Amino acid sequence: MIIILAASSIVTAATFLWSTRTIPMVVEEPLSISDYPSAIHVHPGENQTLVVSILNSAPVNYVVALIFSLNETTYQESYVTFSNSTYILVPGLNNVTAWMFVQSGAHPAWLELIIDFYRY
């Protein structure tokens, strides 16, 4: 009787283990920057408009802030100011407008602009 009960438990456990499946699941970032200026030429004292396209592939709206930074933080802190706006991104492609201002006392420099976003 004990042998039959033990065998029955083993068969039940084996059936459960063989019928259970594990599959990978990934929750992906729904937002991606899809288009941005390929180069920016600005003079000291100028305000430059930047248009950045962000694709929202989710079926819901998101609130984001664009984060701009230069590869030289000292130059950025001394001479460059970026807009500090938040945007509501609806599903699909969104073109958002931001700006940057270069102080009149800025010296010439070759810099890289990094564009990122923060999703609230």
PDB file of N, CA and C in Angstrom:
ATOM      1  N   MET A   1       0.815  -1.181   0.000  1.00  0.00           N
ATOM      2  CA  MET A   1       0.000   0.000   0.000  1.00  0.00           C
ATOM      3  C   MET A   1       0.869   1.259   0.000  1.00  0.00           C
ATOM      4  N   ILE A   2       1.935   1.237   0.843  1.00  0.00           N
ATOM      5  CA  ILE A   2       2.834   2.378   0.900  1.00  0.00           C
ATOM      6  C   ILE A   2       3.579   2.535  -0.416  1.00  0.00           C
ATOM      7  N   ILE A   3       3.947   1.431  -1.043  1.00  0.00           N
ATOM      8  CA  ILE A   3       4.652   1.471  -2.323  1.00  0.00           C
ATOM      9  C   ILE A   3       3.750   2.064  -3.401  1.00  0.00           C
ATOM     10  N   ILE A   4       2.488   1.701  -3.428  1.00  0.00           N
ATOM     11  CA  ILE A   4       1.548   2.221  -4.434  1.00  0.00           C
ATOM     12  C   ILE A   4       1.343   3.720  -4.219  1.00  0.00           C
ATOM     13  N   LEU A   5       1.211   4.149  -2.977  1.00  0.00           N
ATOM     14  CA  LEU A   5       1.028   5.567  -2.665  1.00  0.00           C
ATOM     15  C   LEU A   5       2.267   6.372  -3.061  1.00  0.00           C
ATOM     16  N   ALA A   6       3.455   5.847  -2.779  1.00  0.00           N
ATOM     17  CA  ALA A   6       4.696   6.518  -3.149  1.00  0.00           C
ATOM     18  C   ALA A   6       4.850   6.590  -4.656  1.00  0.00           C
ATOM     19  N   ALA A   7       4.539   5.505  -5.345  1.00  0.00           N
ATOM     20  CA  ALA A   7       4.627   5.490  -6.808  1.00  0.00           C
ATOM     21  C   ALA A   7       3.649   6.487  -7.406  1.00  0.00           C
ATOM     22  N   SER A   8       2.468   6.585  -6.851  1.00  0.00           N
ATOM     23  CA  SER A   8       1.464   7.539  -7.330  1.00  0.00           C
ATOM     24  C   SER A   8       1.952   8.974  -7.155  1.00  0.00           C
ATOM     25  N   SER A   9       2.597   9.268  -6.033  1.00  0.00           N
ATOM     26  CA  SER A   9       3.126  10.611  -5.795  1.00  0.00           C
ATOM     27  C   SER A   9       4.241  10.945  -6.763  1.00  0.00           C
ATOM     28  N   ILE A  10       5.095   9.974  -7.047  1.00  0.00           N
ATOM     29  CA  ILE A  10       6.196  10.185  -7.990  1.00  0.00           C
ATOM     30  C   ILE A  10       5.653  10.445  -9.388  1.00  0.00           C
ATOM     31  N   VAL A  11       4.653   9.697  -9.823  1.00  0.00           N
ATOM     32  CA  VAL A  11       4.052   9.888 -11.148  1.00  0.00           C
ATOM     33  C   VAL A  11       3.405  11.265 -11.232  1.00  0.00           C
ATOM     34  N   THR A  12       2.703  11.687 -10.183  1.00  0.00           N
ATOM     35  CA  THR A  12       2.069  13.011 -10.170  1.00  0.00           C
ATOM     36  C   THR A  12       3.122  14.116 -10.251  1.00  0.00           C
ATOM     37  N   ALA A  13       4.186  14.019  -9.476  1.00  0.00           N
ATOM     38  CA  ALA A  13       5.257  15.015  -9.492  1.00  0.00           C
ATOM     39  C   ALA A  13       5.958  15.038 -10.842  1.00  0.00           C
ATOM     40  N   ALA A  14       6.248  13.886 -11.405  1.00  0.00           N
ATOM     41  CA  ALA A  14       6.913  13.818 -12.710  1.00  0.00           C
ATOM     42  C   ALA A  14       6.027  14.417 -13.802  1.00  0.00           C
ATOM     43  N   THR A  15       4.737  14.139 -13.755  1.00  0.00           N
ATOM     44  CA  THR A  15       3.821  14.705 -14.752  1.00  0.00           C
ATOM     45  C   THR A  15       3.809  16.234 -14.659  1.00  0.00           C
ATOM     46  N   PHE A  16       3.773  16.763 -13.450  1.00  0.00           N
ATOM     47  CA  PHE A  16       3.782  18.212 -13.263  1.00  0.00           C
ATOM     48  C   PHE A  16       5.077  18.821 -13.794  1.00  0.00           C
ATOM     49  N   LEU A  17       6.216  18.211 -13.463  1.00  0.00           N
ATOM     50  CA  LEU A  17       7.498  18.742 -13.907  1.00  0.00           C
ATOM     51  C   LEU A  17       7.634  18.698 -15.423  1.00  0.00           C
ATOM     52  N   TRP A  18       7.178  17.641 -16.040  1.00  0.00           N
ATOM     53  CA  TRP A  18       7.303  17.528 -17.495  1.00  0.00           C
ATOM     54  C   TRP A  18       6.296  18.404 -18.234  1.00  0.00           C
ATOM     55  N   SER A  19       5.213  18.780 -17.580  1.00  0.00           N
ATOM     56  CA  SER A  19       4.215  19.614 -18.257  1.00  0.00           C
ATOM     57  C   SER A  19       4.449  21.104 -18.023  1.00  0.00           C
ATOM     58  N   THR A  20       5.288  21.439 -17.060  1.00  0.00           N
ATOM     59  CA  THR A  20       5.578  22.839 -16.776  1.00  0.00           C
ATOM     60  C   THR A  20       6.617  23.358 -17.772  1.00  0.00           C
ATOM     61  N   ARG A  21       6.366  24.533 -18.312  1.00  0.00           N
ATOM     62  CA  ARG A  21       7.293  25.140 -19.273  1.00  0.00           C
ATOM     63  C   ARG A  21       7.705  26.514 -18.764  1.00  0.00           C
ATOM     64  N   THR A  22       8.932  26.833 -18.987  1.00  0.00           N
ATOM     65  CA  THR A  22       9.454  28.147 -18.639  1.00  0.00           C
ATOM     66  C   THR A  22       9.874  28.837 -19.928  1.00  0.00           C
ATOM     67  N   ILE A  23       9.360  30.052 -20.142  1.00  0.00           N
ATOM     68  CA  ILE A  23       9.717  30.802 -21.343  1.00  0.00           C
ATOM     69  C   ILE A  23      10.237  32.178 -20.931  1.00  0.00           C
ATOM     70  N   PRO A  24      11.196  32.702 -21.675  1.00  0.00           N
ATOM     71  CA  PRO A  24      11.717  34.034 -21.344  1.00  0.00           C
ATOM     72  C   PRO A  24      10.670  35.115 -21.597  1.00  0.00           C
ATOM     73  N   MET A  25      10.656  36.127 -20.765  1.00  0.00           N
ATOM     74  CA  MET A  25       9.756  37.268 -20.944  1.00  0.00           C
ATOM     75  C   MET A  25      10.555  38.537 -20.696  1.00  0.00           C
ATOM     76  N   VAL A  26      10.421  39.502 -21.589  1.00  0.00           N
ATOM     77  CA  VAL A  26      11.150  40.758 -21.482  1.00  0.00           C
ATOM     78  C   VAL A  26      10.149  41.902 -21.571  1.00  0.00           C
ATOM     79  N   VAL A  27      10.252  42.836 -20.645  1.00  0.00           N
ATOM     80  CA  VAL A  27       9.484  44.077 -20.729  1.00  0.00           C
ATOM     81  C   VAL A  27      10.455  45.115 -21.270  1.00  0.00           C
ATOM     82  N   GLU A  28      10.188  45.587 -22.491  1.00  0.00           N
ATOM     83  CA  GLU A  28      11.126  46.468 -23.182  1.00  0.00           C
ATOM     84  C   GLU A  28      10.821  47.932 -22.926  1.00  0.00           C
ATOM     85  N   GLU A  29      11.842  48.764 -23.076  1.00  0.00           N
ATOM     86  CA  GLU A  29      11.669  50.217 -22.995  1.00  0.00           C
ATOM     87  C   GLU A  29      10.799  50.634 -24.185  1.00  0.00           C
ATOM     88  N   PRO A  30       9.670  51.293 -23.937  1.00  0.00           N
ATOM     89  CA  PRO A  30       8.770  51.662 -25.029  1.00  0.00           C
ATOM     90  C   PRO A  30       9.180  52.916 -25.794  1.00  0.00           C
ATOM     91  N   LEU A  31      10.147  53.650 -25.271  1.00  0.00           N
ATOM     92  CA  LEU A  31      10.547  54.913 -25.903  1.00  0.00           C
ATOM     93  C   LEU A  31      11.940  54.793 -26.489  1.00  0.00           C
ATOM     94  N   SER A  32      12.115  55.412 -27.656  1.00  0.00           N
ATOM     95  CA  SER A  32      13.449  55.460 -28.260  1.00  0.00           C
ATOM     96  C   SER A  32      13.592  56.751 -29.059  1.00  0.00           C
ATOM     97  N   ILE A  33      14.781  57.320 -28.996  1.00  0.00           N
ATOM     98  CA  ILE A  33      15.077  58.522 -29.787  1.00  0.00           C
ATOM     99  C   ILE A  33      15.354  58.050 -31.198  1.00  0.00           C
ATOM    100  N   SER A  34      14.542  58.506 -32.139  1.00  0.00           N
ATOM    101  CA  SER A  34      14.661  58.003 -33.508  1.00  0.00           C
ATOM    102  C   SER A  34      15.287  58.993 -34.476  1.00  0.00           C
ATOM    103  N   ASP A  35      15.218  60.288 -34.177  1.00  0.00           N
ATOM    104  CA  ASP A  35      15.825  61.275 -35.070  1.00  0.00           C
ATOM    105  C   ASP A  35      16.257  62.481 -34.237  1.00  0.00           C
ATOM    106  N   TYR A  36      17.391  63.036 -34.608  1.00  0.00           N
ATOM    107  CA  TYR A  36      17.972  64.155 -33.886  1.00  0.00           C
ATOM    108  C   TYR A  36      18.921  64.869 -34.842  1.00  0.00           C
ATOM    109  N   PRO A  37      19.331  66.087 -34.533  1.00  0.00           N
ATOM    110  CA  PRO A  37      20.244  66.792 -35.441  1.00  0.00           C
ATOM    111  C   PRO A  37      21.564  66.028 -35.579  1.00  0.00           C
ATOM    112  N   SER A  38      22.041  65.918 -36.809  1.00  0.00           N
ATOM    113  CA  SER A  38      23.302  65.199 -37.034  1.00  0.00           C
ATOM    114  C   SER A  38      24.515  66.057 -36.689  1.00  0.00           C
ATOM    115  N   ALA A  39      24.341  67.367 -36.709  1.00  0.00           N
ATOM    116  CA  ALA A  39      25.410  68.292 -36.327  1.00  0.00           C
ATOM    117  C   ALA A  39      24.761  69.614 -35.934  1.00  0.00           C
ATOM    118  N   ILE A  40      25.402  70.307 -35.032  1.00  0.00           N
ATOM    119  CA  ILE A  40      24.897  71.604 -34.579  1.00  0.00           C
ATOM    120  C   ILE A  40      26.041  72.603 -34.691  1.00  0.00           C
ATOM    121  N   HIS A  41      25.774  73.698 -35.393  1.00  0.00           N
ATOM    122  CA  HIS A  41      26.746  74.789 -35.522  1.00  0.00           C
ATOM    123  C   HIS A  41      26.112  76.022 -34.884  1.00  0.00           C
ATOM    124  N   VAL A  42      26.777  76.550 -33.894  1.00  0.00           N
ATOM    125  CA  VAL A  42      26.236  77.688 -33.167  1.00  0.00           C
ATOM    126  C   VAL A  42      27.376  78.664 -32.864  1.00  0.00           C
ATOM    127  N   HIS A  43      27.037  79.937 -32.783  1.00  0.00           N
ATOM    128  CA  HIS A  43      28.008  80.977 -32.447  1.00  0.00           C
ATOM    129  C   HIS A  43      27.765  81.455 -31.027  1.00  0.00           C
ATOM    130  N   PRO A  44      28.779  82.025 -30.386  1.00  0.00           N
ATOM    131  CA  PRO A  44      28.573  82.602 -29.052  1.00  0.00           C
ATOM    132  C   PRO A  44      27.444  83.632 -29.092  1.00  0.00           C
ATOM    133  N   GLY A  45      26.593  83.583 -28.075  1.00  0.00           N
ATOM    134  CA  GLY A  45      25.460  84.505 -27.989  1.00  0.00           C
ATOM    135  C   GLY A  45      24.216  84.025 -28.708  1.00  0.00           C
ATOM    136  N   GLU A  46      24.254  82.853 -29.333  1.00  0.00           N
ATOM    137  CA  GLU A  46      23.101  82.337 -30.086  1.00  0.00           C
ATOM    138  C   GLU A  46      22.252  81.380 -29.258  1.00  0.00           C
ATOM    139  N   ASN A  47      20.973  81.392 -29.608  1.00  0.00           N
ATOM    140  CA  ASN A  47      20.013  80.433 -29.089  1.00  0.00           C
ATOM    141  C   ASN A  47      19.706  79.482 -30.247  1.00  0.00           C
ATOM    142  N   GLN A  48      19.812  78.195 -30.036  1.00  0.00           N
ATOM    143  CA  GLN A  48      19.610  77.202 -31.102  1.00  0.00           C
ATOM    144  C   GLN A  48      18.422  76.306 -30.743  1.00  0.00           C
ATOM    145  N   THR A  49      17.506  76.126 -31.689  1.00  0.00           N
ATOM    146  CA  THR A  49      16.377  75.221 -31.494  1.00  0.00           C
ATOM    147  C   THR A  49      16.786  73.809 -31.897  1.00  0.00           C
ATOM    148  N   LEU A  50      16.408  72.835 -31.086  1.00  0.00           N
ATOM    149  CA  LEU A  50      16.711  71.431 -31.354  1.00  0.00           C
ATOM    150  C   LEU A  50      15.402  70.657 -31.470  1.00  0.00           C
ATOM    151  N   VAL A  51      15.217  69.939 -32.562  1.00  0.00           N
ATOM    152  CA  VAL A  51      14.041  69.093 -32.734  1.00  0.00           C
ATOM    153  C   VAL A  51      14.498  67.647 -32.626  1.00  0.00           C
ATOM    154  N   VAL A  52      13.885  66.931 -31.676  1.00  0.00           N
ATOM    155  CA  VAL A  52      14.235  65.541 -31.418  1.00  0.00           C
ATOM    156  C   VAL A  52      12.977  64.707 -31.597  1.00  0.00           C
ATOM    157  N   SER A  53      13.082  63.625 -32.376  1.00  0.00           N
ATOM    158  CA  SER A  53      11.949  62.724 -32.584  1.00  0.00           C
ATOM    159  C   SER A  53      12.081  61.525 -31.655  1.00  0.00           C
ATOM    160  N   ILE A  54      11.003  61.258 -30.920  1.00  0.00           N
ATOM    161  CA  ILE A  54      10.988  60.132 -29.988  1.00  0.00           C
ATOM    162  C   ILE A  54       9.815  59.234 -30.338  1.00  0.00           C
ATOM    163  N   LEU A  55      10.105  57.954 -30.517  1.00  0.00           N
ATOM    164  CA  LEU A  55       9.074  56.984 -30.845  1.00  0.00           C
ATOM    165  C   LEU A  55       8.538  56.359 -29.568  1.00  0.00           C
ATOM    166  N   ASN A  56       7.236  56.438 -29.386  1.00  0.00           N
ATOM    167  CA  ASN A  56       6.565  55.778 -28.268  1.00  0.00           C
ATOM    168  C   ASN A  56       5.852  54.559 -28.842  1.00  0.00           C
ATOM    169  N   SER A  57       6.396  53.380 -28.618  1.00  0.00           N
ATOM    170  CA  SER A  57       5.818  52.160 -29.188  1.00  0.00           C
ATOM    171  C   SER A  57       4.806  51.505 -28.256  1.00  0.00           C
ATOM    172  N   ALA A  58       4.507  52.131 -27.145  1.00  0.00           N
ATOM    173  CA  ALA A  58       3.499  51.605 -26.220  1.00  0.00           C
ATOM    174  C   ALA A  58       2.130  52.218 -26.524  1.00  0.00           C
ATOM    175  N   PRO A  59       1.071  51.590 -26.040  1.00  0.00           N
ATOM    176  CA  PRO A  59      -0.273  52.131 -26.287  1.00  0.00           C
ATOM    177  C   PRO A  59      -0.710  53.168 -25.250  1.00  0.00           C
ATOM    178  N   VAL A  60       0.219  53.680 -24.447  1.00  0.00           N
ATOM    179  CA  VAL A  60      -0.108  54.660 -23.409  1.00  0.00           C
ATOM    180  C   VAL A  60       0.783  55.891 -23.552  1.00  0.00           C
ATOM    181  N   ASN A  61       0.346  56.996 -22.962  1.00  0.00           N
ATOM    182  CA  ASN A  61       1.142  58.226 -22.956  1.00  0.00           C
ATOM    183  C   ASN A  61       2.214  58.146 -21.875  1.00  0.00           C
ATOM    184  N   TYR A  62       3.343  58.830 -22.124  1.00  0.00           N
ATOM    185  CA  TYR A  62       4.410  58.932 -21.136  1.00  0.00           C
ATOM    186  C   TYR A  62       4.815  60.390 -20.990  1.00  0.00           C
ATOM    187  N   VAL A  63       5.234  60.755 -19.795  1.00  0.00           N
ATOM    188  CA  VAL A  63       5.795  62.080 -19.546  1.00  0.00           C
ATOM    189  C   VAL A  63       7.302  61.896 -19.432  1.00  0.00           C
ATOM    190  N   VAL A  64       8.052  62.662 -20.228  1.00  0.00           N
ATOM    191  CA  VAL A  64       9.511  62.538 -20.218  1.00  0.00           C
ATOM    192  C   VAL A  64      10.155  63.917 -20.140  1.00  0.00           C
ATOM    193  N   ALA A  65      11.374  63.906 -19.695  1.00  0.00           N
ATOM    194  CA  ALA A  65      12.234  65.085 -19.727  1.00  0.00           C
ATOM    195  C   ALA A  65      13.430  64.735 -20.590  1.00  0.00           C
ATOM    196  N   LEU A  66      13.771  65.610 -21.514  1.00  0.00           N
ATOM    197  CA  LEU A  66      14.992  65.416 -22.291  1.00  0.00           C
ATOM    198  C   LEU A  66      16.172  65.889 -21.459  1.00  0.00           C
ATOM    199  N   ILE A  67      17.238  65.132 -21.517  1.00  0.00           N
ATOM    200  CA  ILE A  67      18.447  65.473 -20.778  1.00  0.00           C
ATOM    201  C   ILE A  67      19.561  65.694 -21.791  1.00  0.00           C
ATOM    202  N   PHE A  68      20.090  66.902 -21.813  1.00  0.00           N
ATOM    203  CA  PHE A  68      21.181  67.246 -22.726  1.00  0.00           C
ATOM    204  C   PHE A  68      22.451  67.403 -21.913  1.00  0.00           C
ATOM    205  N   SER A  69      23.540  66.914 -22.443  1.00  0.00           N
ATOM    206  CA  SER A  69      24.830  67.122 -21.791  1.00  0.00           C
ATOM    207  C   SER A  69      25.925  67.160 -22.844  1.00  0.00           C
ATOM    208  N   LEU A  70      26.986  67.864 -22.511  1.00  0.00           N
ATOM    209  CA  LEU A  70      28.150  67.932 -23.387  1.00  0.00           C
ATOM    210  C   LEU A  70      29.239  67.033 -22.828  1.00  0.00           C
ATOM    211  N   ASN A  71      30.136  66.606 -23.697  1.00  0.00           N
ATOM    212  CA  ASN A  71      31.232  65.747 -23.258  1.00  0.00           C
ATOM    213  C   ASN A  71      32.255  66.504 -22.416  1.00  0.00           C
ATOM    214  N   GLU A  72      32.146  67.812 -22.353  1.00  0.00           N
ATOM    215  CA  GLU A  72      33.015  68.623 -21.488  1.00  0.00           C
ATOM    216  C   GLU A  72      32.127  69.365 -20.488  1.00  0.00           C
ATOM    217  N   THR A  73      32.036  68.832 -19.284  1.00  0.00           N
ATOM    218  CA  THR A  73      31.136  69.415 -18.288  1.00  0.00           C
ATOM    219  C   THR A  73      31.543  70.826 -17.869  1.00  0.00           C
ATOM    220  N   THR A  74      32.829  71.096 -17.817  1.00  0.00           N
ATOM    221  CA  THR A  74      33.285  72.439 -17.434  1.00  0.00           C
ATOM    222  C   THR A  74      32.817  73.465 -18.452  1.00  0.00           C
ATOM    223  N   TYR A  75      32.935  73.153 -19.747  1.00  0.00           N
ATOM    224  CA  TYR A  75      32.471  74.055 -20.799  1.00  0.00           C
ATOM    225  C   TYR A  75      30.961  74.254 -20.674  1.00  0.00           C
ATOM    226  N   GLN A  76      30.245  73.159 -20.473  1.00  0.00           N
ATOM    227  CA  GLN A  76      28.791  73.241 -20.349  1.00  0.00           C
ATOM    228  C   GLN A  76      28.392  74.121 -19.166  1.00  0.00           C
ATOM    229  N   GLU A  77      29.016  73.905 -18.021  1.00  0.00           N
ATOM    230  CA  GLU A  77      28.687  74.699 -16.837  1.00  0.00           C
ATOM    231  C   GLU A  77      29.011  76.176 -17.015  1.00  0.00           C
ATOM    232  N   SER A  78      30.035  76.476 -17.800  1.00  0.00           N
ATOM    233  CA  SER A  78      30.463  77.858 -17.981  1.00  0.00           C
ATOM    234  C   SER A  78      29.707  78.592 -19.079  1.00  0.00           C
ATOM    235  N   TYR A  79      29.333  77.888 -20.144  1.00  0.00           N
ATOM    236  CA  TYR A  79      28.860  78.600 -21.328  1.00  0.00           C
ATOM    237  C   TYR A  79      27.524  78.161 -21.922  1.00  0.00           C
ATOM    238  N   VAL A  80      27.019  76.982 -21.616  1.00  0.00           N
ATOM    239  CA  VAL A  80      25.854  76.460 -22.340  1.00  0.00           C
ATOM    240  C   VAL A  80      24.695  76.179 -21.386  1.00  0.00           C
ATOM    241  N   THR A  81      23.510  76.619 -21.802  1.00  0.00           N
ATOM    242  CA  THR A  81      22.277  76.355 -21.057  1.00  0.00           C
ATOM    243  C   THR A  81      21.322  75.608 -21.983  1.00  0.00           C
ATOM    244  N   PHE A  82      20.692  74.567 -21.456  1.00  0.00           N
ATOM    245  CA  PHE A  82      19.712  73.794 -22.221  1.00  0.00           C
ATOM    246  C   PHE A  82      18.327  73.993 -21.628  1.00  0.00           C
ATOM    247  N   SER A  83      17.307  73.846 -22.479  1.00  0.00           N
ATOM    248  CA  SER A  83      15.935  73.923 -21.988  1.00  0.00           C
ATOM    249  C   SER A  83      15.706  72.799 -20.982  1.00  0.00           C
ATOM    250  N   ASN A  84      14.775  73.036 -20.111  1.00  0.00           N
ATOM    251  CA  ASN A  84      14.510  72.092 -19.043  1.00  0.00           C
ATOM    252  C   ASN A  84      13.013  71.803 -19.032  1.00  0.00           C
ATOM    253  N   SER A  85      12.506  71.229 -20.127  1.00  0.00           N
ATOM    254  CA  SER A  85      11.071  71.024 -20.287  1.00  0.00           C
ATOM    255  C   SER A  85      10.708  69.555 -20.160  1.00  0.00           C
ATOM    256  N   THR A  86       9.455  69.330 -19.798  1.00  0.00           N
ATOM    257  CA  THR A  86       8.915  67.970 -19.831  1.00  0.00           C
ATOM    258  C   THR A  86       7.924  67.898 -20.985  1.00  0.00           C
ATOM    259  N   TYR A  87       7.759  66.716 -21.512  1.00  0.00           N
ATOM    260  CA  TYR A  87       6.927  66.506 -22.687  1.00  0.00           C
ATOM    261  C   TYR A  87       6.000  65.329 -22.445  1.00  0.00           C
ATOM    262  N   ILE A  88       4.810  65.403 -23.007  1.00  0.00           N
ATOM    263  CA  ILE A  88       3.889  64.269 -22.988  1.00  0.00           C
ATOM    264  C   ILE A  88       4.015  63.588 -24.338  1.00  0.00           C
ATOM    265  N   LEU A  89       4.387  62.317 -24.331  1.00  0.00           N
ATOM    266  CA  LEU A  89       4.551  61.557 -25.565  1.00  0.00           C
ATOM    267  C   LEU A  89       3.374  60.615 -25.743  1.00  0.00           C
ATOM    268  N   VAL A  90       2.637  60.824 -26.823  1.00  0.00           N
ATOM    269  CA  VAL A  90       1.515  59.949 -27.155  1.00  0.00           C
ATOM    270  C   VAL A  90       2.051  58.762 -27.956  1.00  0.00           C
ATOM    271  N   PRO A  91       1.269  57.708 -28.108  1.00  0.00           N
ATOM    272  CA  PRO A  91       1.735  56.580 -28.925  1.00  0.00           C
ATOM    273  C   PRO A  91       2.078  57.035 -30.348  1.00  0.00           C
ATOM    274  N   GLY A  92       3.167  56.522 -30.878  1.00  0.00           N
ATOM    275  CA  GLY A  92       3.617  56.888 -32.219  1.00  0.00           C
ATOM    276  C   GLY A  92       4.846  57.789 -32.161  1.00  0.00           C
ATOM    277  N   LEU A  93       5.095  58.475 -33.263  1.00  0.00           N
ATOM    278  CA  LEU A  93       6.267  59.345 -33.374  1.00  0.00           C
ATOM    279  C   LEU A  93       5.939  60.742 -32.849  1.00  0.00           C
ATOM    280  N   ASN A  94       6.787  61.257 -31.979  1.00  0.00           N
ATOM    281  CA  ASN A  94       6.604  62.576 -31.368  1.00  0.00           C
ATOM    282  C   ASN A  94       7.813  63.443 -31.678  1.00  0.00           C
ATOM    283  N   ASN A  95       7.592  64.622 -32.243  1.00  0.00           N
ATOM    284  CA  ASN A  95       8.658  65.590 -32.477  1.00  0.00           C
ATOM    285  C   ASN A  95       8.591  66.621 -31.359  1.00  0.00           C
ATOM    286  N   VAL A  96       9.636  66.676 -30.556  1.00  0.00           N
ATOM    287  CA  VAL A  96       9.668  67.627 -29.453  1.00  0.00           C
ATOM    288  C   VAL A  96      10.729  68.689 -29.739  1.00  0.00           C
ATOM    289  N   THR A  97      10.453  69.886 -29.301  1.00  0.00           N
ATOM    290  CA  THR A  97      11.349  71.005 -29.550  1.00  0.00           C
ATOM    291  C   THR A  97      11.987  71.443 -28.237  1.00  0.00           C
ATOM    292  N   ALA A  98      13.286  71.563 -28.264  1.00  0.00           N
ATOM    293  CA  ALA A  98      14.052  72.038 -27.118  1.00  0.00           C
ATOM    294  C   ALA A  98      14.964  73.161 -27.617  1.00  0.00           C
ATOM    295  N   TRP A  99      15.729  73.752 -26.731  1.00  0.00           N
ATOM    296  CA  TRP A  99      16.652  74.808 -27.140  1.00  0.00           C
ATOM    297  C   TRP A  99      17.935  74.729 -26.328  1.00  0.00           C
ATOM    298  N   MET A 100      18.935  75.361 -26.867  1.00  0.00           N
ATOM    299  CA  MET A 100      20.199  75.537 -26.152  1.00  0.00           C
ATOM    300  C   MET A 100      20.676  76.961 -26.394  1.00  0.00           C
ATOM    301  N   PHE A 101      21.331  77.524 -25.400  1.00  0.00           N
ATOM    302  CA  PHE A 101      21.864  78.875 -25.513  1.00  0.00           C
ATOM    303  C   PHE A 101      23.346  78.831 -25.171  1.00  0.00           C
ATOM    304  N   VAL A 102      24.167  79.477 -26.017  1.00  0.00           N
ATOM    305  CA  VAL A 102      25.607  79.556 -25.791  1.00  0.00           C
ATOM    306  C   VAL A 102      25.935  80.994 -25.392  1.00  0.00           C
ATOM    307  N   GLN A 103      26.577  81.153 -24.244  1.00  0.00           N
ATOM    308  CA  GLN A 103      26.922  82.471 -23.729  1.00  0.00           C
ATOM    309  C   GLN A 103      27.816  83.230 -24.713  1.00  0.00           C
ATOM    310  N   SER A 104      27.713  84.544 -24.695  1.00  0.00           N
ATOM    311  CA  SER A 104      28.484  85.365 -25.633  1.00  0.00           C
ATOM    312  C   SER A 104      29.991  85.275 -25.398  1.00  0.00           C
ATOM    313  N   GLY A 105      30.418  84.927 -24.197  1.00  0.00           N
ATOM    314  CA  GLY A 105      31.850  84.820 -23.904  1.00  0.00           C
ATOM    315  C   GLY A 105      32.441  83.443 -24.189  1.00  0.00           C
ATOM    316  N   ALA A 106      31.677  82.555 -24.786  1.00  0.00           N
ATOM    317  CA  ALA A 106      32.163  81.192 -25.051  1.00  0.00           C
ATOM    318  C   ALA A 106      33.266  81.199 -26.099  1.00  0.00           C
ATOM    319  N   HIS A 107      34.285  80.404 -25.887  1.00  0.00           N
ATOM    320  CA  HIS A 107      35.358  80.269 -26.868  1.00  0.00           C
ATOM    321  C   HIS A 107      35.041  79.115 -27.815  1.00  0.00           C
ATOM    322  N   PRO A 108      35.641  79.087 -28.993  1.00  0.00           N
ATOM    323  CA  PRO A 108      35.379  78.015 -29.950  1.00  0.00           C
ATOM    324  C   PRO A 108      35.745  76.653 -29.356  1.00  0.00           C
ATOM    325  N   ALA A 109      34.957  75.639 -29.690  1.00  0.00           N
ATOM    326  CA  ALA A 109      35.225  74.286 -29.180  1.00  0.00           C
ATOM    327  C   ALA A 109      34.538  73.259 -30.070  1.00  0.00           C
ATOM    328  N   TRP A 110      35.151  72.079 -30.183  1.00  0.00           N
ATOM    329  CA  TRP A 110      34.532  70.919 -30.813  1.00  0.00           C
ATOM    330  C   TRP A 110      34.009  70.051 -29.685  1.00  0.00           C
ATOM    331  N   LEU A 111      32.705  69.859 -29.647  1.00  0.00           N
ATOM    332  CA  LEU A 111      32.077  69.149 -28.535  1.00  0.00           C
ATOM    333  C   LEU A 111      31.141  68.069 -29.061  1.00  0.00           C
ATOM    334  N   GLU A 112      30.764  67.180 -28.174  1.00  0.00           N
ATOM    335  CA  GLU A 112      29.735  66.194 -28.496  1.00  0.00           C
ATOM    336  C   GLU A 112      28.537  66.448 -27.599  1.00  0.00           C
ATOM    337  N   LEU A 113      27.365  66.466 -28.212  1.00  0.00           N
ATOM    338  CA  LEU A 113      26.120  66.642 -27.477  1.00  0.00           C
ATOM    339  C   LEU A 113      25.487  65.272 -27.261  1.00  0.00           C
ATOM    340  N   ILE A 114      25.150  64.980 -26.026  1.00  0.00           N
ATOM    341  CA  ILE A 114      24.511  63.706 -25.689  1.00  0.00           C
ATOM    342  C   ILE A 114      23.060  64.009 -25.342  1.00  0.00           C
ATOM    343  N   ILE A 115      22.148  63.278 -25.976  1.00  0.00           N
ATOM    344  CA  ILE A 115      20.720  63.460 -25.725  1.00  0.00           C
ATOM    345  C   ILE A 115      20.181  62.170 -25.119  1.00  0.00           C
ATOM    346  N   ASP A 116      19.518  62.310 -24.003  1.00  0.00           N
ATOM    347  CA  ASP A 116      18.901  61.168 -23.342  1.00  0.00           C
ATOM    348  C   ASP A 116      17.546  61.627 -22.814  1.00  0.00           C
ATOM    349  N   PHE A 117      16.798  60.736 -22.239  1.00  0.00           N
ATOM    350  CA  PHE A 117      15.511  61.123 -21.665  1.00  0.00           C
ATOM    351  C   PHE A 117      15.307  60.410 -20.339  1.00  0.00           C
ATOM    352  N   TYR A 118      14.477  60.995 -19.537  1.00  0.00           N
ATOM    353  CA  TYR A 118      14.085  60.400 -18.267  1.00  0.00           C
ATOM    354  C   TYR A 118      12.578  60.259 -18.288  1.00  0.00           C
ATOM    355  N   ARG A 119      12.100  59.047 -18.097  1.00  0.00           N
ATOM    356  CA  ARG A 119      10.658  58.778 -18.123  1.00  0.00           C
ATOM    357  C   ARG A 119      10.131  58.824 -16.700  1.00  0.00           C
ATOM    358  N   TYR A 120       9.077  59.623 -16.478  1.00  0.00           N
ATOM    359  CA  TYR A 120       8.461  59.733 -15.147  1.00  0.00           C
ATOM    360  C   TYR A 120       7.485  58.620 -14.923  1.00  0.00           C
TER     361      TYR A 120
END
